[in-house]
N, C-alpha and C. Protein backbone atom coordinates (compact mmCIF):
# COMPACT_ATOMS: atom_id res chain seq x y z
N MET A 1 16.73 137.94 174.76
CA MET A 1 17.36 138.16 176.07
C MET A 1 18.66 137.39 176.13
N ASN A 2 19.77 138.12 176.20
CA ASN A 2 21.07 137.45 176.20
C ASN A 2 22.12 138.40 176.70
N ASP A 3 22.71 138.11 177.83
CA ASP A 3 23.80 138.94 178.31
C ASP A 3 24.82 138.09 179.01
N GLY A 4 25.96 138.74 179.33
CA GLY A 4 27.11 138.10 179.92
C GLY A 4 27.02 136.67 180.32
N GLY A 5 26.27 136.33 181.40
CA GLY A 5 26.28 134.99 181.93
C GLY A 5 25.32 134.04 181.27
N MET A 6 24.63 134.48 180.20
CA MET A 6 23.65 133.62 179.56
C MET A 6 24.14 133.24 178.17
N ASN A 7 23.47 132.28 177.53
CA ASN A 7 23.77 131.96 176.15
C ASN A 7 22.49 131.58 175.43
N ASP A 8 22.63 131.30 174.15
CA ASP A 8 21.45 130.98 173.35
C ASP A 8 21.13 129.49 173.36
N GLY A 9 21.84 128.72 174.19
CA GLY A 9 21.60 127.30 174.28
C GLY A 9 20.87 126.93 175.56
N LEU A 10 21.52 126.09 176.35
CA LEU A 10 20.91 125.57 177.58
C LEU A 10 21.82 125.81 178.76
N ARG A 11 21.24 126.27 179.86
CA ARG A 11 22.01 126.45 181.08
C ARG A 11 21.20 125.97 182.28
N LEU A 12 21.83 125.13 183.10
CA LEU A 12 21.25 124.71 184.38
C LEU A 12 22.09 125.32 185.49
N GLU A 13 21.41 125.94 186.46
CA GLU A 13 22.11 126.61 187.55
C GLU A 13 21.66 126.05 188.89
N SER A 14 22.55 125.31 189.53
CA SER A 14 22.31 124.78 190.89
C SER A 14 20.96 124.07 191.01
N VAL A 15 20.68 123.21 190.05
CA VAL A 15 19.39 122.52 190.00
C VAL A 15 19.33 121.40 191.03
N ARG A 16 18.27 121.40 191.80
CA ARG A 16 18.05 120.38 192.83
C ARG A 16 16.71 119.70 192.61
N ARG A 17 16.69 118.39 192.85
CA ARG A 17 15.42 117.64 192.74
C ARG A 17 15.48 116.44 193.67
N ALA A 18 14.44 116.29 194.50
CA ALA A 18 14.36 115.18 195.44
C ALA A 18 12.98 114.55 195.34
N PHE A 19 12.91 113.28 195.70
CA PHE A 19 11.64 112.54 195.67
C PHE A 19 11.42 111.88 197.02
N ARG A 20 10.17 111.85 197.46
CA ARG A 20 9.82 111.18 198.70
C ARG A 20 9.60 109.70 198.43
N GLN A 21 10.20 108.85 199.25
CA GLN A 21 9.99 107.41 199.20
C GLN A 21 9.60 106.96 200.60
N GLY A 22 8.29 106.96 200.83
CA GLY A 22 7.83 106.65 202.18
C GLY A 22 8.26 107.75 203.13
N LYS A 23 9.01 107.39 204.16
CA LYS A 23 9.50 108.38 205.12
C LYS A 23 10.85 108.95 204.71
N ASP A 24 11.41 108.40 203.66
CA ASP A 24 12.75 108.83 203.23
C ASP A 24 12.67 109.83 202.07
N THR A 25 13.72 110.61 201.93
CA THR A 25 13.86 111.54 200.81
C THR A 25 15.06 111.13 199.98
N LEU A 26 14.83 110.93 198.68
CA LEU A 26 15.90 110.56 197.76
C LEU A 26 16.35 111.79 197.00
N GLU A 27 17.58 112.23 197.26
CA GLU A 27 18.14 113.39 196.57
C GLU A 27 18.72 112.92 195.24
N VAL A 28 18.08 113.31 194.15
CA VAL A 28 18.52 112.89 192.82
C VAL A 28 19.48 113.91 192.21
N LEU A 29 19.12 115.18 192.29
CA LEU A 29 19.99 116.26 191.81
C LEU A 29 20.29 117.18 192.99
N CYS A 30 21.57 117.43 193.21
CA CYS A 30 21.98 118.13 194.43
C CYS A 30 22.72 119.44 194.13
N GLY A 31 22.26 120.15 193.12
CA GLY A 31 22.92 121.40 192.75
C GLY A 31 23.67 121.26 191.44
N ALA A 32 23.03 120.64 190.46
CA ALA A 32 23.67 120.37 189.16
C ALA A 32 23.80 121.65 188.34
N ASP A 33 24.98 121.85 187.77
CA ASP A 33 25.26 122.99 186.90
C ASP A 33 25.71 122.49 185.53
N LEU A 34 25.22 123.15 184.49
CA LEU A 34 25.59 122.75 183.13
C LEU A 34 25.38 123.93 182.19
N ASP A 35 26.30 124.09 181.25
CA ASP A 35 26.22 125.16 180.27
C ASP A 35 26.55 124.57 178.90
N ILE A 36 25.60 124.59 177.97
CA ILE A 36 25.81 124.06 176.62
C ILE A 36 25.51 125.16 175.62
N ARG A 37 26.47 125.44 174.76
CA ARG A 37 26.32 126.53 173.81
C ARG A 37 25.92 126.01 172.43
N ALA A 38 25.47 126.93 171.59
CA ALA A 38 25.02 126.58 170.24
C ALA A 38 26.10 125.82 169.49
N GLY A 39 25.71 124.74 168.83
CA GLY A 39 26.63 123.95 168.04
C GLY A 39 27.44 122.94 168.83
N GLU A 40 27.23 122.86 170.14
CA GLU A 40 27.98 121.95 171.00
C GLU A 40 27.15 120.71 171.31
N ILE A 41 27.78 119.54 171.22
CA ILE A 41 27.13 118.27 171.54
C ILE A 41 27.77 117.70 172.80
N VAL A 42 26.96 117.53 173.83
CA VAL A 42 27.46 117.07 175.13
C VAL A 42 26.82 115.72 175.46
N ALA A 43 27.66 114.78 175.84
CA ALA A 43 27.18 113.47 176.26
C ALA A 43 26.89 113.49 177.75
N LEU A 44 25.74 112.95 178.14
CA LEU A 44 25.36 112.80 179.54
C LEU A 44 25.44 111.33 179.89
N VAL A 45 26.33 110.98 180.79
CA VAL A 45 26.52 109.58 181.16
C VAL A 45 26.33 109.42 182.67
N GLY A 46 26.20 108.17 183.07
CA GLY A 46 26.01 107.85 184.48
C GLY A 46 25.28 106.53 184.59
N PRO A 47 25.38 105.86 185.74
CA PRO A 47 24.73 104.56 185.90
C PRO A 47 23.21 104.68 185.88
N SER A 48 22.55 103.57 185.60
CA SER A 48 21.09 103.55 185.65
C SER A 48 20.61 103.95 187.04
N GLY A 49 19.61 104.80 187.07
CA GLY A 49 19.09 105.27 188.34
C GLY A 49 19.77 106.49 188.89
N ALA A 50 20.78 107.01 188.17
CA ALA A 50 21.51 108.18 188.66
C ALA A 50 20.71 109.46 188.53
N GLY A 51 19.69 109.46 187.66
CA GLY A 51 18.86 110.65 187.50
C GLY A 51 18.99 111.34 186.16
N LYS A 52 19.53 110.63 185.15
CA LYS A 52 19.71 111.25 183.83
C LYS A 52 18.38 111.66 183.22
N SER A 53 17.38 110.79 183.32
CA SER A 53 16.07 111.12 182.75
C SER A 53 15.43 112.29 183.50
N THR A 54 15.60 112.32 184.81
CA THR A 54 15.08 113.44 185.59
C THR A 54 15.72 114.74 185.15
N LEU A 55 17.03 114.71 184.95
CA LEU A 55 17.73 115.91 184.50
C LEU A 55 17.24 116.35 183.13
N LEU A 56 17.04 115.40 182.22
CA LEU A 56 16.55 115.74 180.89
C LEU A 56 15.13 116.33 180.96
N HIS A 57 14.29 115.76 181.82
CA HIS A 57 12.93 116.27 181.96
C HIS A 57 12.94 117.71 182.49
N ILE A 58 13.83 117.99 183.42
CA ILE A 58 13.94 119.34 183.96
C ILE A 58 14.51 120.29 182.91
N ALA A 59 15.54 119.84 182.20
CA ALA A 59 16.13 120.66 181.14
C ALA A 59 15.12 120.94 180.04
N GLY A 60 14.21 119.98 179.81
CA GLY A 60 13.20 120.13 178.77
C GLY A 60 11.93 120.78 179.25
N LEU A 61 11.94 121.33 180.46
CA LEU A 61 10.78 122.04 181.03
C LEU A 61 9.55 121.16 181.16
N LEU A 62 9.77 119.87 181.26
CA LEU A 62 8.67 118.94 181.49
C LEU A 62 8.42 118.73 182.97
N GLU A 63 9.40 119.12 183.77
CA GLU A 63 9.34 118.93 185.22
C GLU A 63 10.06 120.12 185.85
N LYS A 64 9.54 120.60 186.97
CA LYS A 64 10.16 121.74 187.64
C LYS A 64 11.15 121.26 188.70
N PRO A 65 12.29 121.91 188.82
CA PRO A 65 13.22 121.55 189.89
C PRO A 65 12.70 122.07 191.23
N ASP A 66 13.19 121.49 192.31
CA ASP A 66 12.85 121.99 193.64
C ASP A 66 13.54 123.32 193.92
N ALA A 67 14.70 123.50 193.32
CA ALA A 67 15.46 124.74 193.46
C ALA A 67 16.39 124.86 192.26
N GLY A 68 16.89 126.07 192.05
CA GLY A 68 17.78 126.29 190.92
C GLY A 68 17.01 126.86 189.73
N GLU A 69 17.73 127.05 188.64
CA GLU A 69 17.14 127.69 187.46
C GLU A 69 17.52 126.97 186.18
N VAL A 70 16.60 126.97 185.24
CA VAL A 70 16.85 126.48 183.89
C VAL A 70 16.71 127.67 182.95
N ARG A 71 17.76 127.92 182.16
CA ARG A 71 17.71 128.99 181.17
C ARG A 71 17.76 128.36 179.78
N LEU A 72 16.76 128.67 178.99
CA LEU A 72 16.65 128.13 177.65
C LEU A 72 16.63 129.28 176.66
N ALA A 73 17.57 129.24 175.71
CA ALA A 73 17.69 130.32 174.72
C ALA A 73 17.79 131.68 175.42
N GLY A 74 18.49 131.71 176.55
CA GLY A 74 18.72 132.95 177.28
C GLY A 74 17.60 133.36 178.21
N GLN A 75 16.52 132.61 178.27
CA GLN A 75 15.38 132.98 179.11
C GLN A 75 15.24 132.07 180.31
N ALA A 76 15.12 132.67 181.48
CA ALA A 76 14.91 131.90 182.70
C ALA A 76 13.49 131.36 182.72
N ALA A 77 13.35 130.07 183.05
CA ALA A 77 12.04 129.41 183.02
C ALA A 77 11.36 129.35 184.38
N GLY A 78 12.11 129.60 185.44
CA GLY A 78 11.58 129.38 186.79
C GLY A 78 10.32 130.16 187.12
N GLY A 79 10.23 131.40 186.66
CA GLY A 79 9.09 132.23 187.01
C GLY A 79 7.97 132.21 186.00
N LEU A 80 8.05 131.33 185.01
CA LEU A 80 7.04 131.29 183.96
C LEU A 80 5.83 130.46 184.36
N SER A 81 4.69 130.82 183.82
CA SER A 81 3.49 130.01 184.02
C SER A 81 3.62 128.74 183.19
N GLU A 82 2.73 127.78 183.44
CA GLU A 82 2.79 126.53 182.68
C GLU A 82 2.56 126.79 181.19
N ARG A 83 1.69 127.72 180.87
CA ARG A 83 1.44 128.06 179.47
C ARG A 83 2.69 128.66 178.83
N GLU A 84 3.37 129.52 179.57
CA GLU A 84 4.59 130.14 179.04
C GLU A 84 5.71 129.12 178.89
N ARG A 85 5.79 128.18 179.83
CA ARG A 85 6.79 127.12 179.72
C ARG A 85 6.53 126.25 178.48
N THR A 86 5.25 125.95 178.23
CA THR A 86 4.89 125.16 177.05
C THR A 86 5.28 125.90 175.78
N ARG A 87 5.03 127.18 175.74
CA ARG A 87 5.38 127.98 174.56
C ARG A 87 6.89 127.99 174.34
N LEU A 88 7.65 128.18 175.43
CA LEU A 88 9.10 128.19 175.33
C LEU A 88 9.62 126.84 174.85
N ARG A 89 9.01 125.77 175.35
CA ARG A 89 9.40 124.42 174.94
C ARG A 89 9.12 124.20 173.45
N ARG A 90 7.96 124.63 173.01
CA ARG A 90 7.61 124.45 171.60
C ARG A 90 8.51 125.27 170.68
N LEU A 91 8.89 126.45 171.12
CA LEU A 91 9.72 127.33 170.30
C LEU A 91 11.16 126.86 170.19
N HIS A 92 11.71 126.36 171.27
CA HIS A 92 13.16 126.21 171.34
C HIS A 92 13.69 124.81 171.64
N LEU A 93 12.80 123.83 171.87
CA LEU A 93 13.27 122.50 172.25
C LEU A 93 12.86 121.43 171.25
N GLY A 94 13.79 120.50 171.00
CA GLY A 94 13.48 119.30 170.24
C GLY A 94 13.84 118.10 171.08
N PHE A 95 13.03 117.02 171.00
CA PHE A 95 13.25 115.83 171.82
C PHE A 95 13.41 114.60 170.93
N VAL A 96 14.37 113.75 171.28
CA VAL A 96 14.51 112.44 170.65
C VAL A 96 14.58 111.41 171.77
N TYR A 97 13.74 110.38 171.68
CA TYR A 97 13.69 109.36 172.72
C TYR A 97 14.28 108.05 172.20
N GLN A 98 14.45 107.09 173.13
CA GLN A 98 15.00 105.78 172.75
C GLN A 98 14.09 105.09 171.74
N TYR A 99 12.79 105.23 171.93
CA TYR A 99 11.83 104.70 170.96
C TYR A 99 11.30 105.87 170.15
N HIS A 100 11.10 105.67 168.86
CA HIS A 100 10.85 106.79 167.95
C HIS A 100 9.54 107.54 168.19
N HIS A 101 8.49 106.85 168.66
CA HIS A 101 7.19 107.49 168.93
C HIS A 101 6.61 108.19 167.69
N LEU A 102 6.85 107.65 166.52
CA LEU A 102 6.23 108.20 165.31
C LEU A 102 4.75 107.84 165.26
N LEU A 103 3.97 108.66 164.59
CA LEU A 103 2.54 108.37 164.43
C LEU A 103 2.40 107.35 163.31
N PRO A 104 1.91 106.14 163.62
CA PRO A 104 1.94 105.03 162.66
C PRO A 104 1.07 105.24 161.43
N GLU A 105 0.02 106.06 161.54
CA GLU A 105 -0.90 106.23 160.42
C GLU A 105 -0.42 107.28 159.41
N PHE A 106 0.68 107.95 159.73
CA PHE A 106 1.21 108.98 158.84
C PHE A 106 2.54 108.55 158.25
N SER A 107 2.85 109.07 157.06
CA SER A 107 4.12 108.76 156.41
C SER A 107 5.26 109.48 157.12
N ALA A 108 6.48 109.14 156.71
CA ALA A 108 7.67 109.77 157.30
C ALA A 108 7.61 111.29 157.13
N VAL A 109 7.33 111.74 155.92
CA VAL A 109 7.31 113.18 155.67
C VAL A 109 6.18 113.84 156.45
N GLU A 110 5.04 113.17 156.58
CA GLU A 110 3.93 113.75 157.34
C GLU A 110 4.27 113.86 158.82
N ASN A 111 5.02 112.89 159.35
CA ASN A 111 5.45 112.96 160.75
C ASN A 111 6.35 114.16 161.01
N VAL A 112 7.10 114.58 159.99
CA VAL A 112 7.98 115.74 160.14
C VAL A 112 7.24 117.04 159.83
N ILE A 113 6.21 116.95 159.01
CA ILE A 113 5.40 118.13 158.69
C ILE A 113 4.53 118.54 159.87
N LEU A 114 3.93 117.58 160.56
CA LEU A 114 2.91 117.87 161.58
C LEU A 114 3.37 118.84 162.67
N PRO A 115 4.54 118.63 163.31
CA PRO A 115 4.92 119.58 164.36
C PRO A 115 5.13 121.00 163.84
N GLN A 116 5.49 121.12 162.59
CA GLN A 116 5.66 122.45 162.01
C GLN A 116 4.30 123.13 161.82
N MET A 117 3.32 122.36 161.36
CA MET A 117 1.99 122.93 161.16
C MET A 117 1.35 123.31 162.50
N ILE A 118 1.61 122.50 163.53
CA ILE A 118 1.12 122.84 164.87
C ILE A 118 1.71 124.16 165.34
N ALA A 119 2.97 124.42 164.92
CA ALA A 119 3.63 125.68 165.29
C ALA A 119 3.23 126.84 164.40
N GLY A 120 2.37 126.58 163.39
CA GLY A 120 1.87 127.66 162.56
C GLY A 120 2.50 127.79 161.20
N THR A 121 3.36 126.86 160.81
CA THR A 121 4.01 126.91 159.50
C THR A 121 3.05 126.43 158.43
N ALA A 122 3.03 127.10 157.29
CA ALA A 122 2.18 126.69 156.18
C ALA A 122 2.62 125.31 155.69
N ARG A 123 1.65 124.51 155.23
CA ARG A 123 1.94 123.13 154.85
C ARG A 123 3.01 123.03 153.76
N SER A 124 2.95 123.89 152.76
CA SER A 124 3.93 123.81 151.66
C SER A 124 5.34 124.08 152.17
N LYS A 125 5.48 125.06 153.03
CA LYS A 125 6.79 125.38 153.60
C LYS A 125 7.24 124.26 154.53
N ALA A 126 6.31 123.71 155.31
CA ALA A 126 6.63 122.61 156.22
C ALA A 126 7.08 121.39 155.44
N ARG A 127 6.45 121.12 154.30
CA ARG A 127 6.85 119.98 153.49
C ARG A 127 8.26 120.17 152.92
N ASP A 128 8.55 121.39 152.46
CA ASP A 128 9.90 121.67 151.94
C ASP A 128 10.95 121.43 153.03
N ARG A 129 10.68 121.90 154.22
CA ARG A 129 11.60 121.72 155.35
C ARG A 129 11.75 120.24 155.68
N ALA A 130 10.62 119.52 155.71
CA ALA A 130 10.65 118.09 156.03
C ALA A 130 11.46 117.31 155.00
N MET A 131 11.25 117.59 153.73
CA MET A 131 11.99 116.88 152.68
C MET A 131 13.47 117.20 152.72
N ASP A 132 13.81 118.44 153.06
CA ASP A 132 15.22 118.81 153.19
C ASP A 132 15.89 118.00 154.30
N LEU A 133 15.23 117.93 155.46
CA LEU A 133 15.79 117.19 156.59
C LEU A 133 15.88 115.69 156.27
N LEU A 134 14.83 115.14 155.71
CA LEU A 134 14.85 113.71 155.37
C LEU A 134 15.92 113.43 154.33
N GLY A 135 16.09 114.33 153.38
CA GLY A 135 17.14 114.14 152.38
C GLY A 135 18.52 114.14 152.99
N ARG A 136 18.74 115.01 153.96
CA ARG A 136 20.05 115.08 154.62
C ARG A 136 20.32 113.84 155.47
N MET A 137 19.26 113.13 155.83
CA MET A 137 19.40 111.88 156.58
C MET A 137 19.33 110.66 155.66
N GLY A 138 19.35 110.90 154.36
CA GLY A 138 19.34 109.80 153.39
C GLY A 138 18.00 109.10 153.26
N LEU A 139 16.91 109.83 153.53
CA LEU A 139 15.59 109.21 153.54
C LEU A 139 14.64 109.79 152.50
N ALA A 140 15.15 110.53 151.54
CA ALA A 140 14.28 111.17 150.56
C ALA A 140 13.39 110.15 149.85
N GLU A 141 13.96 109.01 149.51
CA GLU A 141 13.18 108.00 148.78
C GLU A 141 12.23 107.22 149.68
N ARG A 142 12.35 107.40 150.98
CA ARG A 142 11.49 106.70 151.93
C ARG A 142 10.46 107.63 152.56
N ALA A 143 10.39 108.86 152.07
CA ALA A 143 9.55 109.88 152.69
C ALA A 143 8.08 109.51 152.70
N GLY A 144 7.62 108.78 151.70
CA GLY A 144 6.20 108.43 151.62
C GLY A 144 5.83 107.16 152.37
N HIS A 145 6.80 106.50 153.00
CA HIS A 145 6.54 105.26 153.71
C HIS A 145 6.08 105.53 155.15
N ARG A 146 5.18 104.69 155.63
CA ARG A 146 4.77 104.78 157.03
C ARG A 146 5.80 104.11 157.92
N PRO A 147 5.79 104.42 159.22
CA PRO A 147 6.78 103.85 160.13
C PRO A 147 6.90 102.33 160.07
N GLY A 148 5.76 101.65 159.94
CA GLY A 148 5.79 100.19 159.88
C GLY A 148 6.51 99.63 158.67
N GLN A 149 6.74 100.48 157.67
CA GLN A 149 7.45 100.06 156.46
C GLN A 149 8.92 100.44 156.50
N LEU A 150 9.35 101.03 157.60
CA LEU A 150 10.74 101.48 157.74
C LEU A 150 11.49 100.60 158.73
N SER A 151 12.80 100.51 158.56
CA SER A 151 13.64 99.80 159.51
C SER A 151 13.76 100.60 160.80
N GLY A 152 14.30 99.98 161.84
CA GLY A 152 14.48 100.68 163.11
C GLY A 152 15.36 101.91 162.97
N GLY A 153 16.45 101.78 162.20
CA GLY A 153 17.33 102.92 161.99
C GLY A 153 16.65 104.02 161.22
N GLU A 154 15.86 103.66 160.23
CA GLU A 154 15.14 104.67 159.45
C GLU A 154 14.10 105.39 160.31
N GLN A 155 13.41 104.64 161.16
CA GLN A 155 12.42 105.24 162.04
C GLN A 155 13.07 106.27 162.97
N GLN A 156 14.24 105.92 163.50
CA GLN A 156 14.90 106.84 164.41
C GLN A 156 15.44 108.07 163.67
N ARG A 157 15.83 107.89 162.42
CA ARG A 157 16.25 109.05 161.62
C ARG A 157 15.08 110.00 161.40
N VAL A 158 13.91 109.44 161.15
CA VAL A 158 12.72 110.28 160.99
C VAL A 158 12.43 111.02 162.29
N ALA A 159 12.57 110.33 163.43
CA ALA A 159 12.34 110.96 164.73
C ALA A 159 13.30 112.13 164.96
N ILE A 160 14.53 111.98 164.51
CA ILE A 160 15.52 113.06 164.64
C ILE A 160 15.11 114.24 163.76
N CYS A 161 14.68 113.96 162.54
CA CYS A 161 14.20 115.03 161.65
C CYS A 161 13.02 115.75 162.28
N ARG A 162 12.10 115.00 162.86
CA ARG A 162 10.93 115.60 163.51
C ARG A 162 11.38 116.52 164.65
N ALA A 163 12.35 116.08 165.43
CA ALA A 163 12.82 116.87 166.57
C ALA A 163 13.45 118.19 166.13
N LEU A 164 14.04 118.19 164.94
CA LEU A 164 14.71 119.39 164.45
C LEU A 164 13.85 120.19 163.47
N ALA A 165 12.63 119.74 163.23
CA ALA A 165 11.78 120.35 162.20
C ALA A 165 11.52 121.83 162.44
N ASN A 166 11.32 122.22 163.69
CA ASN A 166 11.01 123.62 164.01
C ASN A 166 12.24 124.44 164.37
N ALA A 167 13.42 123.95 163.94
CA ALA A 167 14.69 124.66 164.17
C ALA A 167 14.86 125.07 165.63
N PRO A 168 14.84 124.11 166.56
CA PRO A 168 14.98 124.45 167.98
C PRO A 168 16.39 124.94 168.30
N ARG A 169 16.51 125.63 169.42
CA ARG A 169 17.83 126.05 169.89
C ARG A 169 18.54 124.91 170.61
N VAL A 170 17.74 124.01 171.21
CA VAL A 170 18.30 122.93 172.04
C VAL A 170 17.67 121.60 171.65
N LEU A 171 18.51 120.58 171.55
CA LEU A 171 18.04 119.21 171.30
C LEU A 171 18.39 118.36 172.51
N LEU A 172 17.40 117.65 173.04
CA LEU A 172 17.60 116.72 174.15
C LEU A 172 17.31 115.33 173.64
N ALA A 173 18.22 114.40 173.89
CA ALA A 173 18.05 113.04 173.39
C ALA A 173 18.34 112.05 174.52
N ASP A 174 17.43 111.12 174.72
CA ASP A 174 17.55 110.12 175.78
C ASP A 174 17.81 108.75 175.14
N GLU A 175 19.05 108.30 175.14
CA GLU A 175 19.44 107.02 174.54
C GLU A 175 18.89 106.90 173.11
N PRO A 176 19.19 107.84 172.22
CA PRO A 176 18.57 107.84 170.89
C PRO A 176 18.93 106.65 170.01
N THR A 177 20.02 105.94 170.36
CA THR A 177 20.40 104.75 169.58
C THR A 177 20.30 103.48 170.42
N GLY A 178 19.65 103.57 171.58
CA GLY A 178 19.61 102.45 172.52
C GLY A 178 18.89 101.22 172.01
N ASN A 179 17.94 101.38 171.08
CA ASN A 179 17.19 100.24 170.56
C ASN A 179 17.75 99.68 169.26
N LEU A 180 18.92 100.18 168.84
CA LEU A 180 19.47 99.80 167.55
C LEU A 180 20.67 98.89 167.71
N ASP A 181 20.92 98.05 166.71
CA ASP A 181 22.13 97.23 166.74
C ASP A 181 23.35 98.14 166.56
N PRO A 182 24.55 97.67 166.97
CA PRO A 182 25.73 98.55 166.97
C PRO A 182 26.03 99.21 165.63
N HIS A 183 25.92 98.46 164.54
CA HIS A 183 26.23 99.04 163.23
C HIS A 183 25.24 100.14 162.86
N THR A 184 23.95 99.87 163.05
CA THR A 184 22.92 100.86 162.76
C THR A 184 23.04 102.06 163.68
N ALA A 185 23.32 101.79 164.97
CA ALA A 185 23.47 102.87 165.94
C ALA A 185 24.59 103.82 165.54
N ASP A 186 25.69 103.26 165.04
CA ASP A 186 26.83 104.08 164.64
C ASP A 186 26.44 104.99 163.47
N GLY A 187 25.73 104.45 162.50
CA GLY A 187 25.31 105.24 161.35
C GLY A 187 24.34 106.35 161.74
N VAL A 188 23.37 106.02 162.57
CA VAL A 188 22.39 107.02 163.02
C VAL A 188 23.09 108.11 163.82
N PHE A 189 24.04 107.71 164.67
CA PHE A 189 24.75 108.69 165.48
C PHE A 189 25.54 109.67 164.61
N LEU A 190 26.24 109.15 163.61
CA LEU A 190 27.02 110.02 162.72
C LEU A 190 26.11 111.01 162.00
N GLU A 191 24.95 110.54 161.56
CA GLU A 191 24.02 111.43 160.86
C GLU A 191 23.41 112.45 161.81
N LEU A 192 23.15 112.03 163.05
CA LEU A 192 22.64 112.94 164.06
C LEU A 192 23.64 114.06 164.32
N VAL A 193 24.91 113.70 164.49
CA VAL A 193 25.95 114.69 164.75
C VAL A 193 26.06 115.67 163.59
N ALA A 194 26.06 115.15 162.37
CA ALA A 194 26.19 116.02 161.19
C ALA A 194 25.01 116.99 161.11
N LEU A 195 23.80 116.50 161.38
CA LEU A 195 22.62 117.34 161.29
C LEU A 195 22.62 118.39 162.40
N VAL A 196 23.01 117.99 163.61
CA VAL A 196 23.06 118.92 164.73
C VAL A 196 24.11 120.01 164.48
N LYS A 197 25.28 119.60 164.03
CA LYS A 197 26.34 120.57 163.76
C LYS A 197 25.92 121.54 162.66
N GLY A 198 25.27 121.00 161.63
CA GLY A 198 24.83 121.85 160.54
C GLY A 198 23.73 122.81 160.94
N SER A 199 22.98 122.46 161.98
CA SER A 199 21.87 123.30 162.44
C SER A 199 22.29 124.27 163.53
N GLY A 200 23.46 124.08 164.12
CA GLY A 200 23.92 124.96 165.18
C GLY A 200 23.15 124.80 166.48
N VAL A 201 22.61 123.60 166.71
CA VAL A 201 21.82 123.33 167.90
C VAL A 201 22.74 122.99 169.08
N ALA A 202 22.33 123.36 170.28
CA ALA A 202 23.00 122.89 171.49
C ALA A 202 22.35 121.56 171.87
N ALA A 203 23.14 120.50 171.94
CA ALA A 203 22.57 119.16 172.14
C ALA A 203 23.10 118.50 173.39
N LEU A 204 22.18 117.91 174.16
CA LEU A 204 22.52 117.10 175.33
C LEU A 204 21.98 115.70 175.08
N ILE A 205 22.89 114.72 175.02
CA ILE A 205 22.52 113.37 174.63
C ILE A 205 22.90 112.38 175.73
N ALA A 206 21.89 111.79 176.36
CA ALA A 206 22.14 110.77 177.37
C ALA A 206 22.43 109.45 176.68
N THR A 207 23.48 108.77 177.13
CA THR A 207 23.84 107.50 176.52
C THR A 207 24.57 106.61 177.52
N HIS A 208 24.40 105.29 177.33
CA HIS A 208 25.18 104.32 178.09
C HIS A 208 26.35 103.81 177.27
N ASN A 209 26.49 104.28 176.05
CA ASN A 209 27.52 103.80 175.13
C ASN A 209 28.77 104.68 175.26
N PRO A 210 29.82 104.18 175.93
CA PRO A 210 31.02 105.01 176.14
C PRO A 210 31.73 105.37 174.84
N GLU A 211 31.62 104.51 173.84
CA GLU A 211 32.30 104.80 172.57
C GLU A 211 31.62 105.97 171.88
N LEU A 212 30.29 105.99 171.87
CA LEU A 212 29.58 107.12 171.28
C LEU A 212 29.82 108.39 172.09
N ALA A 213 29.80 108.27 173.41
CA ALA A 213 30.02 109.45 174.27
C ALA A 213 31.37 110.09 173.99
N SER A 214 32.38 109.26 173.76
CA SER A 214 33.74 109.78 173.55
C SER A 214 33.86 110.58 172.26
N ARG A 215 32.90 110.42 171.35
CA ARG A 215 32.96 111.10 170.07
C ARG A 215 32.19 112.42 170.07
N MET A 216 31.60 112.78 171.20
CA MET A 216 30.92 114.07 171.31
C MET A 216 31.93 115.13 171.75
N ASP A 217 31.51 116.38 171.77
CA ASP A 217 32.43 117.47 172.08
C ASP A 217 32.97 117.37 173.50
N ARG A 218 32.15 116.96 174.42
CA ARG A 218 32.60 116.69 175.78
C ARG A 218 31.60 115.79 176.48
N VAL A 219 32.04 115.24 177.60
CA VAL A 219 31.24 114.28 178.36
C VAL A 219 31.05 114.82 179.77
N VAL A 220 29.80 114.81 180.25
CA VAL A 220 29.54 115.14 181.66
C VAL A 220 28.93 113.89 182.31
N ARG A 221 29.33 113.62 183.52
CA ARG A 221 28.84 112.45 184.26
C ARG A 221 27.98 112.91 185.42
N LEU A 222 26.81 112.28 185.54
CA LEU A 222 25.94 112.54 186.68
C LEU A 222 26.34 111.59 187.80
N GLN A 223 26.87 112.17 188.85
CA GLN A 223 27.43 111.37 189.95
C GLN A 223 27.08 112.04 191.27
N ASP A 224 26.42 111.31 192.14
CA ASP A 224 26.04 111.80 193.46
C ASP A 224 25.24 113.12 193.35
N GLY A 225 24.40 113.20 192.32
CA GLY A 225 23.52 114.34 192.16
C GLY A 225 24.16 115.56 191.54
N LEU A 226 25.43 115.44 191.14
CA LEU A 226 26.15 116.55 190.53
C LEU A 226 26.66 116.17 189.15
N LEU A 227 26.87 117.14 188.30
CA LEU A 227 27.46 116.91 186.98
C LEU A 227 28.95 117.20 187.06
N VAL A 228 29.75 116.18 186.75
CA VAL A 228 31.21 116.32 186.87
C VAL A 228 31.88 115.95 185.56
């Protein structure tokens, strides 16, 4: 499904979200609009508490907006059942968080294999894909190591590979280098950009780092519930 006003990436249309705080209503998103196309990396910036995580959760179909629409890979999500939303998320979305959330009992390559097998990919094919991604992130020789045997930067590289394992249309990342020292963060960011560009993914990356944000294709700021 793809016509004129849609794309194969991510689109938010007049998204609104409010939360009740006692007798008060806190308007977090007040009609946010965003359009990210395949191969484009967009930085999401804004002060703490502005609603960046809420926006990412809505974009990732983890939370429903009060109003507005989310279109993922050209498909509107608003009228879908929870089961259909889960399927759309599994097919087209990859997530990277500030903390890697790797499964500690599995090796790096197994952490990248597992989401593919859950999606129905044969183990041999999933392993080939996992090793290709890990190799492109400079981790081929570390593929058999468990997370506890990897550095923070290596763990986050594995998490990025896992997020891209099922070839999603959209990658959402919430402070993906926030737990890393500046030198390691810079290296991980460069590898993330190269992998995203090579995969043709539409990426939305929330960050507090203005230097990293300036190196993305464009920057959107969440301000007063709107993206500017």
